[in-house]
Amino acid sequence: MASRDEIHEILEGVAFTMKYRQTGSGWWIAYCDEVPEARTQGETKEVAKENLKDAILLILEDYSVQELREFRDELMSEESELLAL
């Protein structure tokens, strides 16, 4: 299991995509494409963002250092762009 320090060191420079939307009740729902298990909510967009960071870190703490390195390498090798139909 990786520590938060190891996670930050290994994933330094890796960006995660935060997607969010506001619900009818006014709360914000947030999730991350790169870590699909990470889903959260907050009363404001900023709170949802902080909650999502925590959710991602909690999930990544279960990774071994080797798994984190492989995850980083996979993310760094991907290319993406927006596609409109």
N, C-alpha and C. Protein backbone atom coordinates (compact mmCIF):
# COMPACT_ATOMS: atom_id res chain seq x y z
N MET A 1 0.84 -1.17 0.00
CA MET A 1 0.00 0.00 0.00
C MET A 1 0.89 1.25 0.00
N ALA A 2 0.55 2.18 -0.84
CA ALA A 2 1.34 3.39 -0.99
C ALA A 2 0.92 4.45 0.03
N SER A 3 1.88 5.22 0.47
CA SER A 3 1.59 6.34 1.36
C SER A 3 1.20 7.55 0.50
N ARG A 4 0.60 8.54 1.12
CA ARG A 4 0.25 9.76 0.39
C ARG A 4 1.48 10.45 -0.17
N ASP A 5 2.58 10.41 0.57
CA ASP A 5 3.82 11.00 0.06
C ASP A 5 4.29 10.27 -1.20
N GLU A 6 4.23 8.94 -1.18
CA GLU A 6 4.62 8.17 -2.37
C GLU A 6 3.70 8.46 -3.54
N ILE A 7 2.41 8.57 -3.27
CA ILE A 7 1.45 8.89 -4.33
C ILE A 7 1.79 10.23 -4.96
N HIS A 8 2.01 11.24 -4.13
CA HIS A 8 2.34 12.58 -4.64
C HIS A 8 3.65 12.57 -5.42
N GLU A 9 4.63 11.83 -4.92
CA GLU A 9 5.94 11.78 -5.60
C GLU A 9 5.82 11.08 -6.96
N ILE A 10 5.17 9.94 -6.99
CA ILE A 10 5.08 9.15 -8.22
C ILE A 10 4.20 9.84 -9.25
N LEU A 11 3.12 10.47 -8.81
CA LEU A 11 2.16 11.08 -9.75
C LEU A 11 2.38 12.57 -9.95
N GLU A 12 3.54 13.08 -9.53
CA GLU A 12 3.83 14.50 -9.73
C GLU A 12 3.78 14.81 -11.23
N GLY A 13 3.03 15.85 -11.58
CA GLY A 13 2.91 16.26 -12.98
C GLY A 13 1.80 15.57 -13.75
N VAL A 14 1.15 14.59 -13.14
CA VAL A 14 0.03 13.90 -13.79
C VAL A 14 -1.26 14.65 -13.48
N ALA A 15 -2.01 14.98 -14.51
CA ALA A 15 -3.27 15.71 -14.33
C ALA A 15 -4.44 14.73 -14.40
N PHE A 16 -5.42 14.98 -13.57
CA PHE A 16 -6.64 14.19 -13.58
C PHE A 16 -7.79 15.06 -14.07
N THR A 17 -8.73 14.45 -14.77
CA THR A 17 -9.86 15.17 -15.32
C THR A 17 -11.02 15.14 -14.34
N MET A 18 -11.43 16.32 -13.87
CA MET A 18 -12.58 16.42 -12.99
C MET A 18 -13.78 16.81 -13.84
N LYS A 19 -14.81 16.02 -13.75
CA LYS A 19 -16.08 16.35 -14.40
C LYS A 19 -17.11 16.56 -13.30
N TYR A 20 -17.98 17.51 -13.51
CA TYR A 20 -18.95 17.81 -12.46
C TYR A 20 -20.22 18.38 -13.07
N ARG A 21 -21.27 18.28 -12.28
CA ARG A 21 -22.55 18.89 -12.66
C ARG A 21 -23.32 19.21 -11.40
N GLN A 22 -24.19 20.21 -11.52
CA GLN A 22 -25.00 20.60 -10.38
C GLN A 22 -26.34 19.88 -10.47
N THR A 23 -26.79 19.36 -9.35
CA THR A 23 -28.06 18.64 -9.31
C THR A 23 -29.21 19.62 -9.10
N GLY A 24 -30.42 19.14 -9.23
CA GLY A 24 -31.60 19.96 -9.01
C GLY A 24 -31.71 20.50 -7.60
N SER A 25 -31.07 19.80 -6.65
CA SER A 25 -31.10 20.26 -5.25
C SER A 25 -29.99 21.26 -4.95
N GLY A 26 -29.17 21.57 -5.95
CA GLY A 26 -28.11 22.54 -5.76
C GLY A 26 -26.75 21.96 -5.41
N TRP A 27 -26.68 20.69 -5.09
CA TRP A 27 -25.40 20.05 -4.77
C TRP A 27 -24.63 19.79 -6.06
N TRP A 28 -23.31 19.66 -5.93
CA TRP A 28 -22.44 19.36 -7.06
C TRP A 28 -21.98 17.91 -6.98
N ILE A 29 -22.09 17.20 -8.09
CA ILE A 29 -21.60 15.83 -8.22
C ILE A 29 -20.30 15.90 -9.01
N ALA A 30 -19.25 15.19 -8.56
CA ALA A 30 -17.96 15.22 -9.24
C ALA A 30 -17.42 13.81 -9.41
N TYR A 31 -16.74 13.59 -10.54
CA TYR A 31 -16.10 12.31 -10.78
C TYR A 31 -14.87 12.50 -11.65
N CYS A 32 -14.11 11.44 -11.82
CA CYS A 32 -12.83 11.50 -12.50
C CYS A 32 -12.74 10.35 -13.50
N ASP A 33 -12.47 10.67 -14.77
CA ASP A 33 -12.35 9.62 -15.79
C ASP A 33 -11.21 8.66 -15.51
N GLU A 34 -10.08 9.17 -15.04
CA GLU A 34 -8.90 8.35 -14.84
C GLU A 34 -9.04 7.38 -13.66
N VAL A 35 -9.87 7.73 -12.70
CA VAL A 35 -10.13 6.87 -11.54
C VAL A 35 -11.65 6.77 -11.41
N PRO A 36 -12.28 5.92 -12.23
CA PRO A 36 -13.75 5.90 -12.28
C PRO A 36 -14.45 5.55 -10.97
N GLU A 37 -13.72 4.91 -10.05
CA GLU A 37 -14.31 4.59 -8.76
C GLU A 37 -14.49 5.84 -7.90
N ALA A 38 -13.79 6.92 -8.25
CA ALA A 38 -13.83 8.15 -7.46
C ALA A 38 -15.02 9.01 -7.89
N ARG A 39 -16.03 9.04 -7.05
CA ARG A 39 -17.22 9.85 -7.28
C ARG A 39 -17.58 10.48 -5.95
N THR A 40 -18.00 11.73 -5.98
CA THR A 40 -18.30 12.41 -4.73
C THR A 40 -19.28 13.55 -4.97
N GLN A 41 -19.54 14.30 -3.93
CA GLN A 41 -20.46 15.44 -4.03
C GLN A 41 -20.03 16.52 -3.05
N GLY A 42 -20.62 17.68 -3.19
CA GLY A 42 -20.36 18.78 -2.28
C GLY A 42 -21.40 19.87 -2.45
N GLU A 43 -21.55 20.69 -1.44
CA GLU A 43 -22.53 21.77 -1.52
C GLU A 43 -22.09 22.85 -2.50
N THR A 44 -20.79 22.96 -2.73
CA THR A 44 -20.26 23.90 -3.73
C THR A 44 -19.33 23.13 -4.66
N LYS A 45 -19.01 23.74 -5.81
CA LYS A 45 -18.09 23.10 -6.74
C LYS A 45 -16.71 22.92 -6.08
N GLU A 46 -16.28 23.91 -5.32
CA GLU A 46 -14.97 23.83 -4.67
C GLU A 46 -14.93 22.69 -3.64
N VAL A 47 -16.00 22.53 -2.87
CA VAL A 47 -16.06 21.43 -1.90
C VAL A 47 -16.06 20.09 -2.63
N ALA A 48 -16.80 19.99 -3.72
CA ALA A 48 -16.82 18.75 -4.51
C ALA A 48 -15.42 18.44 -5.04
N LYS A 49 -14.70 19.48 -5.47
CA LYS A 49 -13.33 19.30 -5.98
C LYS A 49 -12.42 18.76 -4.89
N GLU A 50 -12.47 19.34 -3.70
CA GLU A 50 -11.64 18.87 -2.59
C GLU A 50 -12.03 17.44 -2.19
N ASN A 51 -13.32 17.16 -2.17
CA ASN A 51 -13.79 15.81 -1.85
C ASN A 51 -13.31 14.80 -2.89
N LEU A 52 -13.26 15.21 -4.16
CA LEU A 52 -12.80 14.32 -5.21
C LEU A 52 -11.30 14.04 -5.05
N LYS A 53 -10.52 15.04 -4.71
CA LYS A 53 -9.09 14.81 -4.45
C LYS A 53 -8.92 13.77 -3.35
N ASP A 54 -9.68 13.92 -2.27
CA ASP A 54 -9.60 12.96 -1.16
C ASP A 54 -10.02 11.56 -1.61
N ALA A 55 -11.09 11.48 -2.40
CA ALA A 55 -11.56 10.17 -2.87
C ALA A 55 -10.50 9.49 -3.74
N ILE A 56 -9.87 10.26 -4.62
CA ILE A 56 -8.82 9.69 -5.48
C ILE A 56 -7.66 9.19 -4.63
N LEU A 57 -7.23 10.00 -3.67
CA LEU A 57 -6.12 9.59 -2.81
C LEU A 57 -6.47 8.33 -2.01
N LEU A 58 -7.67 8.24 -1.48
CA LEU A 58 -8.08 7.05 -0.72
C LEU A 58 -8.02 5.80 -1.59
N ILE A 59 -8.45 5.92 -2.83
CA ILE A 59 -8.41 4.77 -3.75
C ILE A 59 -6.97 4.41 -4.07
N LEU A 60 -6.14 5.41 -4.38
CA LEU A 60 -4.77 5.14 -4.77
C LEU A 60 -3.91 4.63 -3.63
N GLU A 61 -4.32 4.86 -2.39
CA GLU A 61 -3.59 4.31 -1.24
C GLU A 61 -3.60 2.79 -1.25
N ASP A 62 -4.56 2.18 -1.91
CA ASP A 62 -4.62 0.71 -1.99
C ASP A 62 -3.67 0.15 -3.04
N TYR A 63 -3.10 1.01 -3.89
CA TYR A 63 -2.16 0.57 -4.91
C TYR A 63 -0.79 0.35 -4.28
N SER A 64 -0.06 -0.61 -4.81
CA SER A 64 1.35 -0.76 -4.43
C SER A 64 2.15 0.31 -5.17
N VAL A 65 3.38 0.52 -4.76
CA VAL A 65 4.23 1.50 -5.43
C VAL A 65 4.40 1.10 -6.90
N GLN A 66 4.58 -0.17 -7.16
CA GLN A 66 4.73 -0.65 -8.55
C GLN A 66 3.45 -0.40 -9.35
N GLU A 67 2.30 -0.66 -8.76
CA GLU A 67 1.03 -0.40 -9.45
C GLU A 67 0.85 1.09 -9.75
N LEU A 68 1.28 1.95 -8.81
CA LEU A 68 1.21 3.39 -9.05
C LEU A 68 2.09 3.80 -10.21
N ARG A 69 3.28 3.24 -10.28
CA ARG A 69 4.18 3.56 -11.40
C ARG A 69 3.58 3.12 -12.73
N GLU A 70 2.99 1.93 -12.75
CA GLU A 70 2.36 1.43 -13.97
C GLU A 70 1.16 2.30 -14.36
N PHE A 71 0.39 2.71 -13.36
CA PHE A 71 -0.76 3.59 -13.58
C PHE A 71 -0.29 4.92 -14.17
N ARG A 72 0.76 5.49 -13.58
CA ARG A 72 1.33 6.75 -14.08
C ARG A 72 1.80 6.60 -15.52
N ASP A 73 2.51 5.53 -15.82
CA ASP A 73 3.03 5.33 -17.17
C ASP A 73 1.90 5.19 -18.18
N GLU A 74 0.85 4.50 -17.78
CA GLU A 74 -0.32 4.35 -18.65
C GLU A 74 -0.97 5.70 -18.92
N LEU A 75 -1.17 6.49 -17.87
CA LEU A 75 -1.78 7.81 -18.04
C LEU A 75 -0.92 8.73 -18.89
N MET A 76 0.38 8.66 -18.70
CA MET A 76 1.29 9.55 -19.44
C MET A 76 1.37 9.17 -20.92
N SER A 77 1.04 7.93 -21.25
CA SER A 77 1.13 7.49 -22.65
C SER A 77 -0.16 7.78 -23.43
N GLU A 78 -1.23 8.13 -22.73
CA GLU A 78 -2.50 8.38 -23.40
C GLU A 78 -2.54 9.79 -24.00
N GLU A 79 -3.23 9.88 -25.12
CA GLU A 79 -3.50 11.18 -25.74
C GLU A 79 -5.01 11.34 -25.77
N SER A 80 -5.45 12.57 -25.64
CA SER A 80 -6.90 12.80 -25.69
C SER A 80 -7.17 14.17 -26.29
N GLU A 81 -8.38 14.32 -26.77
CA GLU A 81 -8.87 15.58 -27.28
C GLU A 81 -10.39 15.53 -27.26
N LEU A 82 -11.00 16.68 -27.30
CA LEU A 82 -12.46 16.74 -27.33
C LEU A 82 -12.93 16.52 -28.77
N LEU A 83 -14.01 15.80 -28.90
CA LEU A 83 -14.56 15.50 -30.21
C LEU A 83 -16.01 15.93 -30.24
N ALA A 84 -16.34 16.81 -31.15
CA ALA A 84 -17.73 17.27 -31.29
C ALA A 84 -18.34 16.56 -32.48
N LEU A 85 -19.59 16.19 -32.37
CA LEU A 85 -20.30 15.51 -33.46
C LEU A 85 -21.12 16.51 -34.24
